[in-house]
Amino acid sequence: MTFNQLELTEPLQKAVQKAGYKNPTPIQAQSIQAILDGRDILGCAQTGTGKTAAFSIPTIQLLSRNNGTTERKRAIRSLILTPTRELAIQIGESLEQYGSFSNLRSLVIFGGVPQHSQVQALKQGIDILVATPGWLLDLMDQGYISLSQLEIFTLDEADRMLDMGFVHDVKKVIKKIPAKRQTLFFSATMPDAILDLANSILNNPLKVEVTPPSSTAEMIGQEVYFIDKSNKKKLLIDLLKSGDEDRILVFTRTKHGANKVVKDLTKTGIKAEAIHGNKTQNARQKALKNFKDKSTRVLVATDIAARGIDIDELALVINYEIPNISETYVHRIGRTGRAGASGKAISFCDYEEKAYLKDIQKLIDQKIPVIEDHSYPMEVFEVPEKKPQQQRGNRNQQRKSSGAGSGQKSGRNRFERSKNK
């Protein structure tokens, strides 16, 4: 099937051609026509399969049919709810691309930035609103947003909403939108809690499942290196210096770890930046922009960015630290191999992370090939004991804090420690 075979209007066909699209992905081929026919959608598809275009393209066409004159007071007729700022921005960029030949206005809103410009845009009137749940409710409570004219409600990355604790906010939003509406519901996985939510808001939906839940893209080549934690930095630098990829996304589990990797790479002359929750929104967007335009070769991210980064032709993802949640691995490596393109995912696994790797392989139902021929083979085959210095530090801290009235407490702590040895 080609996009020409879908019942798209001339402006959308023109936008799709300009974007370089020829053949719709499976999720797009199954969803677009059904959405144009007014059906609710329950879509289960892994990240990188083209979900954004699957709901954005038909939404633009439906709203354009009855758009009326550009002089009328615009009301929000489509709401796209998404869990993260990065993903909201990505969807906003896609809407601008697909709607470049329409007269619809779209806006992306999220917290962490001054609200003045967002409020001014809302006052001018918009057709499509992309928002994160908490900030949407905040601006609604302030009286800046009305959803009374809403026609299409899209909930994207529903399982991520659950993971991040946004389900209660989502339910609050649903109570504030018209009961008569078209609802598009997308999720990479379908746990029971997500299915319960879907069943409560969808009306006779078309179920679209293009890949099994939590599967990995077939076009992604996966490899794992067994290596001691102390040698991960060396292996990463060697791979980056020997490889010719122009952009590499590296994942760590912690913010501190991301900053440390960037510091280590910078010392060797490799241009790298970090993106995580402690960074300001402006800093995160600047780092993403630099990565997209290839002025920064390596972007080091925590899992806050696992579903919010959409980079065309990203060839390589490296799991510097293996995630302790198996599903996160799927979302991480889904940053490459997007929309049918090929990609590669490399994981560094130290002894403590072997249990995580076992869980991941069970989830994706496949063994990840092991690269044994490398310069830093694993030598540590037991979990290191906690350093005794930490205990001494605690005792020193207790001595510093001891004083009048604290002697009995300090003595009791020493007795309890000796009893527990």
Protein backbone atom coordinates (compact mmCIF):
# COMPACT_ATOMS: atom_id res chain seq x y z
CA MET A 1 0.00 0.00 0.00
CA THR A 2 1.09 3.59 -0.68
CA PHE A 3 -0.11 6.85 0.84
CA ASN A 4 -1.71 7.65 -2.52
CA GLN A 5 -4.16 4.79 -1.91
CA LEU A 6 -5.40 6.33 1.33
CA GLU A 7 -8.29 8.76 1.10
CA LEU A 8 -6.23 11.82 2.00
CA THR A 9 -7.00 15.31 0.76
CA GLU A 10 -4.69 17.03 -1.67
CA PRO A 11 -3.05 19.26 0.99
CA LEU A 12 -2.24 16.22 3.14
CA GLN A 13 -0.98 14.20 0.17
CA LYS A 14 1.27 17.14 -0.63
CA ALA A 15 2.56 17.32 2.97
CA VAL A 16 3.17 13.57 3.08
CA GLN A 17 5.12 13.68 -0.17
CA LYS A 18 7.15 16.63 1.10
CA ALA A 19 8.01 14.61 4.20
CA GLY A 20 9.32 11.84 1.92
CA TYR A 21 6.70 9.26 2.90
CA LYS A 22 5.69 6.69 0.30
CA ASN A 23 4.41 3.61 2.09
CA PRO A 24 2.51 3.77 5.38
CA THR A 25 3.76 1.65 8.26
CA PRO A 26 1.41 -1.11 9.49
CA ILE A 27 0.00 1.03 12.32
CA GLN A 28 -0.65 3.85 9.84
CA ALA A 29 -2.19 1.61 7.20
CA GLN A 30 -4.61 0.08 9.71
CA SER A 31 -5.47 3.24 11.65
CA ILE A 32 -5.73 6.20 9.25
CA GLN A 33 -8.78 5.11 7.27
CA ALA A 34 -10.60 3.92 10.39
CA ILE A 35 -10.01 7.28 12.09
CA LEU A 36 -11.24 9.10 8.97
CA ASP A 37 -14.39 6.97 9.21
CA GLY A 38 -14.93 8.23 12.77
CA ARG A 39 -13.95 5.05 14.64
CA ASP A 40 -12.40 5.00 18.09
CA ILE A 41 -8.99 3.30 18.08
CA LEU A 42 -7.27 1.04 20.60
CA GLY A 43 -3.74 0.83 19.23
CA CYS A 44 -0.94 -1.30 20.63
CA ALA A 45 2.33 -0.65 18.87
CA GLN A 46 5.90 -0.35 20.06
CA THR A 47 7.78 2.91 19.92
CA GLY A 48 9.17 3.84 16.52
CA THR A 49 6.37 2.29 14.45
CA GLY A 50 4.89 5.58 13.26
CA LYS A 51 2.06 6.09 15.77
CA THR A 52 2.34 9.90 15.66
CA ALA A 53 1.57 10.06 11.94
CA ALA A 54 -1.13 7.41 12.40
CA PHE A 55 -3.24 9.76 14.54
CA SER A 56 -1.94 13.19 13.44
CA ILE A 57 -2.63 12.88 9.70
CA PRO A 58 -6.30 11.85 9.97
CA THR A 59 -6.88 14.33 12.81
CA ILE A 60 -5.73 17.19 10.57
CA GLN A 61 -7.98 15.98 7.75
CA LEU A 62 -11.06 15.61 9.96
CA LEU A 63 -10.66 19.07 11.48
CA SER A 64 -9.97 20.64 8.09
CA ARG A 65 -13.30 19.37 6.70
CA ASN A 66 -15.36 21.69 8.92
CA ASN A 67 -12.82 24.37 9.68
CA GLY A 68 -14.95 27.25 8.38
CA THR A 69 -13.38 30.66 7.91
CA THR A 70 -10.07 31.66 9.40
CA GLU A 71 -11.75 34.71 10.93
CA ARG A 72 -13.99 32.72 13.30
CA LYS A 73 -13.08 32.33 16.95
CA ARG A 74 -11.04 29.16 17.11
CA ALA A 75 -11.83 26.58 19.77
CA ILE A 76 -9.76 23.60 20.82
CA ARG A 77 -11.23 20.74 18.79
CA SER A 78 -8.47 18.16 19.26
CA LEU A 79 -6.48 17.35 22.40
CA ILE A 80 -3.41 15.12 22.32
CA LEU A 81 -2.32 14.11 25.81
CA THR A 82 1.21 12.79 26.25
CA PRO A 83 3.40 12.01 29.30
CA THR A 84 6.61 13.96 28.66
CA ARG A 85 7.70 17.36 27.40
CA GLU A 86 10.03 15.85 24.83
CA LEU A 87 7.30 13.70 23.34
CA ALA A 88 4.88 16.65 23.31
CA ILE A 89 7.39 18.73 21.38
CA GLN A 90 7.99 15.88 18.94
CA ILE A 91 4.25 15.56 18.27
CA GLY A 92 4.00 19.33 17.82
CA GLU A 93 6.74 19.26 15.20
CA SER A 94 4.94 16.44 13.36
CA LEU A 95 1.67 18.38 13.37
CA GLU A 96 3.42 21.38 11.84
CA GLN A 97 4.92 19.15 9.16
CA TYR A 98 1.73 17.30 8.24
CA GLY A 99 -0.43 20.42 8.53
CA SER A 100 1.88 22.72 6.58
CA PHE A 101 -0.71 23.12 3.78
CA SER A 102 -3.72 23.53 6.06
CA ASN A 103 -4.89 26.60 7.96
CA LEU A 104 -5.10 24.79 11.30
CA ARG A 105 -3.23 26.08 14.32
CA SER A 106 -1.60 23.80 16.86
CA LEU A 107 0.10 24.52 20.18
CA VAL A 108 2.28 22.52 22.57
CA ILE A 109 2.10 23.30 26.29
CA PHE A 110 4.02 21.91 29.25
CA GLY A 111 5.32 23.10 32.59
CA GLY A 112 8.79 24.21 33.61
CA VAL A 113 8.81 27.29 31.36
CA PRO A 114 7.17 30.75 31.68
CA GLN A 115 3.50 30.41 30.79
CA HIS A 116 3.01 33.88 29.26
CA SER A 117 3.71 32.90 25.65
CA GLN A 118 1.52 29.79 25.97
CA VAL A 119 -1.35 31.84 27.40
CA GLN A 120 -1.07 34.42 24.61
CA ALA A 121 -1.22 31.68 21.97
CA LEU A 122 -4.27 30.17 23.67
CA LYS A 123 -6.03 33.55 23.66
CA GLN A 124 -5.47 33.88 19.90
CA GLY A 125 -7.26 30.58 19.38
CA ILE A 126 -5.97 27.15 18.38
CA ASP A 127 -7.42 24.02 16.81
CA ILE A 128 -5.11 21.27 18.14
CA LEU A 129 -3.60 21.26 21.62
CA VAL A 130 -0.73 18.98 22.63
CA ALA A 131 -0.22 18.87 26.39
CA THR A 132 1.17 17.05 29.39
CA PRO A 133 -1.56 16.18 31.94
CA GLY A 134 -0.52 18.19 35.00
CA TRP A 135 0.15 21.44 33.16
CA LEU A 136 -3.07 21.12 31.17
CA LEU A 137 -5.09 20.86 34.39
CA ASP A 138 -3.17 23.81 35.85
CA LEU A 139 -4.04 26.10 32.93
CA MET A 140 -7.63 24.84 32.95
CA ASP A 141 -7.91 25.70 36.64
CA GLN A 142 -6.60 29.18 35.82
CA GLY A 143 -9.37 29.58 33.25
CA TYR A 144 -7.15 29.74 30.16
CA ILE A 145 -8.34 26.49 28.55
CA SER A 146 -11.82 25.24 27.68
CA LEU A 147 -12.35 21.81 26.14
CA SER A 148 -16.12 22.15 25.66
CA GLN A 149 -15.80 22.08 21.85
CA LEU A 150 -13.48 19.06 21.76
CA GLU A 151 -14.13 16.60 18.92
CA ILE A 152 -11.07 14.29 18.99
CA PHE A 153 -9.22 13.14 22.12
CA THR A 154 -5.91 11.28 21.68
CA LEU A 155 -4.13 9.59 24.57
CA ASP A 156 -0.59 8.68 23.55
CA GLU A 157 1.85 6.43 25.45
CA ALA A 158 -0.84 5.42 27.94
CA ASP A 159 1.38 2.86 29.68
CA ARG A 160 4.00 5.54 30.27
CA MET A 161 1.27 7.66 31.88
CA LEU A 162 0.71 4.78 34.28
CA ASP A 163 4.45 4.37 34.97
CA MET A 164 4.85 8.08 35.74
CA GLY A 165 1.80 8.26 38.02
CA PHE A 166 -0.31 10.42 35.69
CA VAL A 167 -3.36 8.17 35.46
CA HIS A 168 -5.31 10.18 38.07
CA ASP A 169 -4.60 13.40 36.13
CA VAL A 170 -5.72 11.71 32.91
CA LYS A 171 -9.00 10.69 34.56
CA LYS A 172 -9.53 14.27 35.73
CA VAL A 173 -9.04 15.53 32.17
CA ILE A 174 -11.48 12.95 30.80
CA LYS A 175 -14.17 14.22 33.18
CA LYS A 176 -13.78 17.71 31.69
CA ILE A 177 -14.17 16.80 28.00
CA PRO A 178 -17.42 16.13 26.08
CA ALA A 179 -18.81 12.62 26.33
CA LYS A 180 -19.59 12.72 22.62
CA ARG A 181 -16.19 12.63 20.97
CA GLN A 182 -13.83 10.42 18.98
CA THR A 183 -11.12 8.82 21.13
CA LEU A 184 -7.77 7.49 19.94
CA PHE A 185 -5.88 5.43 22.51
CA PHE A 186 -2.30 4.29 21.93
CA SER A 187 0.07 2.33 24.14
CA ALA A 188 3.25 0.31 23.64
CA THR A 189 2.13 -2.28 26.20
CA MET A 190 -1.29 -3.28 27.49
CA PRO A 191 -1.20 -4.17 31.20
CA ASP A 192 -4.54 -4.73 32.93
CA ALA A 193 -4.66 -1.20 34.36
CA ILE A 194 -4.29 0.29 30.89
CA LEU A 195 -6.94 -2.01 29.43
CA ASP A 196 -9.34 -0.99 32.21
CA LEU A 197 -8.72 2.68 31.39
CA ALA A 198 -9.19 2.05 27.66
CA ASN A 199 -12.45 0.18 28.20
CA SER A 200 -13.79 3.06 30.29
CA ILE A 201 -13.27 5.75 27.63
CA LEU A 202 -13.55 4.01 24.23
CA ASN A 203 -16.73 3.34 22.28
CA ASN A 204 -16.66 0.15 20.19
CA PRO A 205 -13.02 0.71 19.23
CA LEU A 206 -11.11 -0.85 16.36
CA LYS A 207 -8.24 -2.79 17.92
CA VAL A 208 -4.96 -2.35 16.09
CA GLU A 209 -1.98 -4.41 17.24
CA VAL A 210 0.86 -4.42 14.77
CA THR A 211 3.46 -6.13 16.95
CA PRO A 212 3.26 -8.16 20.15
CA PRO A 213 3.41 -6.02 23.31
CA SER A 214 6.96 -5.24 24.46
CA SER A 215 8.57 -6.72 21.35
CA THR A 216 11.63 -5.11 19.77
CA ALA A 217 11.85 -3.90 16.22
CA GLU A 218 12.99 -6.60 13.82
CA MET A 219 15.38 -4.18 12.10
CA ILE A 220 17.38 -3.49 15.29
CA GLY A 221 20.57 -5.51 15.64
CA GLN A 222 21.24 -6.19 19.32
CA GLU A 223 24.54 -7.02 21.03
CA VAL A 224 25.75 -7.33 24.60
CA TYR A 225 29.27 -6.99 26.03
CA PHE A 226 30.00 -8.63 29.40
CA ILE A 227 32.36 -6.23 31.12
CA ASP A 228 33.37 -5.03 34.58
CA LYS A 229 31.80 -1.76 35.68
CA SER A 230 35.22 -0.13 36.01
CA ASN A 231 36.01 -0.75 32.33
CA LYS A 232 32.77 0.53 30.79
CA LYS A 233 34.24 3.97 30.22
CA LYS A 234 37.18 2.53 28.30
CA LEU A 235 35.00 0.33 26.10
CA LEU A 236 32.64 3.21 25.33
CA ILE A 237 35.50 5.48 24.26
CA ASP A 238 37.02 2.72 22.11
CA LEU A 239 33.71 2.04 20.35
CA LEU A 240 33.06 5.71 19.72
CA LYS A 241 36.55 6.34 18.35
CA SER A 242 36.51 3.27 16.10
CA GLY A 243 32.95 3.78 14.83
CA ASP A 244 31.81 6.15 12.11
CA GLU A 245 28.27 6.85 13.37
CA ASP A 246 27.54 10.58 13.29
CA ARG A 247 25.09 10.37 16.22
CA ILE A 248 25.01 7.97 19.16
CA LEU A 249 22.48 7.92 21.99
CA VAL A 250 23.86 6.60 25.29
CA PHE A 251 21.60 5.64 28.21
CA THR A 252 22.45 5.63 31.93
CA ARG A 253 20.23 4.86 34.90
CA THR A 254 21.02 8.00 36.91
CA LYS A 255 21.48 11.73 36.35
CA HIS A 256 24.87 11.63 38.06
CA GLY A 257 25.92 8.78 35.78
CA ALA A 258 24.90 10.74 32.68
CA ASN A 259 26.91 13.77 33.77
CA LYS A 260 29.95 11.59 34.54
CA VAL A 261 29.86 9.93 31.11
CA VAL A 262 29.69 13.33 29.41
CA LYS A 263 32.66 14.52 31.48
CA ASP A 264 34.70 11.42 30.58
CA LEU A 265 33.92 11.73 26.86
CA THR A 266 34.64 15.45 26.76
CA LYS A 267 38.10 14.85 28.23
CA THR A 268 38.91 12.63 25.25
CA GLY A 269 37.72 15.19 22.71
CA ILE A 270 34.33 13.57 21.97
CA LYS A 271 31.53 16.15 21.80
CA ALA A 272 28.81 15.04 24.22
CA GLU A 273 25.89 16.53 26.12
CA ALA A 274 23.54 15.18 28.80
CA ILE A 275 19.76 15.31 29.05
CA HIS A 276 17.95 14.43 32.27
CA GLY A 277 15.47 15.71 34.84
CA ASN A 278 17.85 18.11 36.58
CA LYS A 279 18.42 20.03 33.35
CA THR A 280 16.22 23.04 32.63
CA GLN A 281 13.76 22.71 29.78
CA ASN A 282 15.79 25.17 27.71
CA ALA A 283 18.97 23.19 28.32
CA ARG A 284 17.26 19.93 27.36
CA GLN A 285 15.86 21.40 24.17
CA LYS A 286 19.21 22.92 23.25
CA ALA A 287 20.94 19.56 23.77
CA LEU A 288 18.32 17.83 21.60
CA LYS A 289 18.67 20.46 18.88
CA ASN A 290 22.46 20.11 18.86
CA PHE A 291 22.08 16.34 18.61
CA LYS A 292 19.56 16.55 15.77
CA ASP A 293 21.69 18.91 13.70
CA LYS A 294 24.78 16.76 14.41
CA SER A 295 26.79 19.49 16.15
CA THR A 296 26.83 17.12 19.15
CA ARG A 297 27.80 13.54 18.32
CA VAL A 298 26.83 11.84 21.60
CA LEU A 299 23.72 12.49 23.66
CA VAL A 300 23.74 10.86 27.10
CA ALA A 301 20.25 10.43 28.55
CA THR A 302 18.40 8.97 31.48
CA ASP A 303 15.12 7.15 30.94
CA ILE A 304 13.16 10.38 31.07
CA ALA A 305 14.13 10.69 27.39
CA ALA A 306 13.56 7.07 26.41
CA ARG A 307 10.23 7.79 24.70
CA GLY A 308 10.66 11.46 23.93
CA ILE A 309 13.50 11.47 21.43
CA ASP A 310 12.62 11.08 17.77
CA ILE A 311 15.75 11.31 15.64
CA ASP A 312 15.66 10.40 11.97
CA GLU A 313 18.24 7.81 10.94
CA LEU A 314 19.70 7.33 14.43
CA ALA A 315 21.99 4.36 13.81
CA LEU A 316 23.21 3.42 17.28
CA VAL A 317 21.92 3.25 20.87
CA ILE A 318 24.25 2.20 23.69
CA ASN A 319 22.99 1.01 27.06
CA TYR A 320 25.93 2.09 29.20
CA GLU A 321 23.93 0.77 32.13
CA ILE A 322 21.25 -1.88 31.63
CA PRO A 323 17.83 -0.75 32.90
CA ASN A 324 16.40 -2.53 35.93
CA ILE A 325 12.92 -2.45 34.36
CA SER A 326 12.72 -4.77 31.37
CA GLU A 327 10.16 -2.73 29.41
CA THR A 328 12.50 0.27 29.58
CA TYR A 329 15.01 -1.62 27.44
CA VAL A 330 12.42 -1.90 24.67
CA HIS A 331 11.71 1.81 24.78
CA ARG A 332 15.40 2.73 24.89
CA ILE A 333 16.44 0.74 21.85
CA GLY A 334 13.29 1.86 20.06
CA ARG A 335 15.02 5.22 19.52
CA THR A 336 16.80 3.50 16.61
CA GLY A 337 15.30 1.37 13.87
CA ARG A 338 12.34 3.72 13.62
CA ALA A 339 9.60 3.49 10.98
CA GLY A 340 11.24 0.57 9.20
CA ALA A 341 14.83 1.86 9.23
CA SER A 342 17.68 -0.36 10.41
CA GLY A 343 19.51 0.30 13.65
CA LYS A 344 21.81 -1.16 16.26
CA ALA A 345 21.66 -1.43 20.04
CA ILE A 346 24.69 -2.29 22.19
CA SER A 347 24.48 -3.06 25.91
CA PHE A 348 27.28 -3.11 28.50
CA CYS A 349 26.52 -5.71 31.18
CA ASP A 350 28.51 -6.00 34.41
CA TYR A 351 28.05 -8.86 36.86
CA GLU A 352 25.43 -7.06 38.96
CA GLU A 353 23.34 -6.40 35.84
CA LYS A 354 23.15 -10.00 34.65
CA ALA A 355 19.81 -10.47 36.39
CA TYR A 356 18.43 -7.45 34.52
CA LEU A 357 19.64 -8.91 31.23
CA LYS A 358 17.98 -12.23 32.00
CA ASP A 359 14.65 -10.48 32.60
CA ILE A 360 14.99 -8.48 29.38
CA GLN A 361 15.66 -11.59 27.29
CA LYS A 362 12.65 -13.27 28.86
CA LEU A 363 10.46 -10.28 28.01
CA ILE A 364 11.55 -9.98 24.37
CA ASP A 365 11.68 -13.79 24.01
CA GLN A 366 15.11 -13.88 22.43
CA LYS A 367 18.76 -14.25 23.34
CA ILE A 368 20.85 -11.17 22.70
CA PRO A 369 24.12 -12.12 20.93
CA VAL A 370 27.21 -11.80 23.13
CA ILE A 371 30.34 -10.12 21.77
CA GLU A 372 33.19 -12.03 23.40
CA ASP A 373 36.13 -10.73 21.36
CA HIS A 374 36.87 -7.38 22.98
CA SER A 375 39.66 -5.78 25.01
CA TYR A 376 37.92 -5.72 28.41
CA PRO A 377 36.46 -9.16 29.19
CA MET A 378 34.67 -9.55 32.52
CA GLU A 379 36.92 -10.53 35.42
CA VAL A 380 34.69 -9.76 38.41
CA PHE A 381 32.20 -12.60 38.92
CA GLU A 382 30.66 -11.68 42.25
CA VAL A 383 28.70 -8.77 43.62
CA PRO A 384 31.16 -6.41 45.37
CA GLU A 385 30.63 -5.94 49.09
CA LYS A 386 29.76 -2.51 50.38
CA LYS A 387 32.82 -0.45 51.18
CA PRO A 388 33.60 -0.35 54.93
CA GLN A 389 34.46 3.35 54.57
CA GLN A 390 30.76 4.07 54.41
CA GLN A 391 30.23 2.57 57.87
CA ARG A 392 33.18 4.50 59.27
CA GLY A 393 31.71 7.63 57.73
CA ASN A 394 28.44 6.96 59.53
CA ARG A 395 30.25 6.53 62.85
CA ASN A 396 32.19 9.73 62.29
CA GLN A 397 28.94 11.53 61.52
CA GLN A 398 27.43 10.18 64.74
CA ARG A 399 30.42 11.42 66.73
CA LYS A 400 30.08 14.86 65.16
CA SER A 401 26.38 14.98 65.96
CA SER A 402 26.78 13.63 69.51
CA GLY A 403 26.75 16.07 72.35
CA ALA A 404 24.65 16.99 75.37
CA GLY A 405 21.65 14.68 75.52
CA SER A 406 22.89 12.44 72.69
CA GLY A 407 25.18 10.08 74.54
CA GLN A 408 22.54 7.47 75.30
CA LYS A 409 21.32 7.45 71.68
CA SER A 410 24.86 6.99 70.34
CA GLY A 411 25.53 4.16 72.78
CA ARG A 412 22.30 2.43 71.88
CA ASN A 413 23.19 2.62 68.16
CA ARG A 414 26.58 1.05 68.82
CA PHE A 415 24.93 -1.74 70.82
CA GLU A 416 22.41 -2.43 68.03
CA ARG A 417 25.18 -2.54 65.43
CA SER A 418 27.21 -5.02 67.47
CA LYS A 419 24.12 -7.14 68.02
CA ASN A 420 23.35 -7.24 64.29
CA LYS A 421 26.85 -8.28 63.23
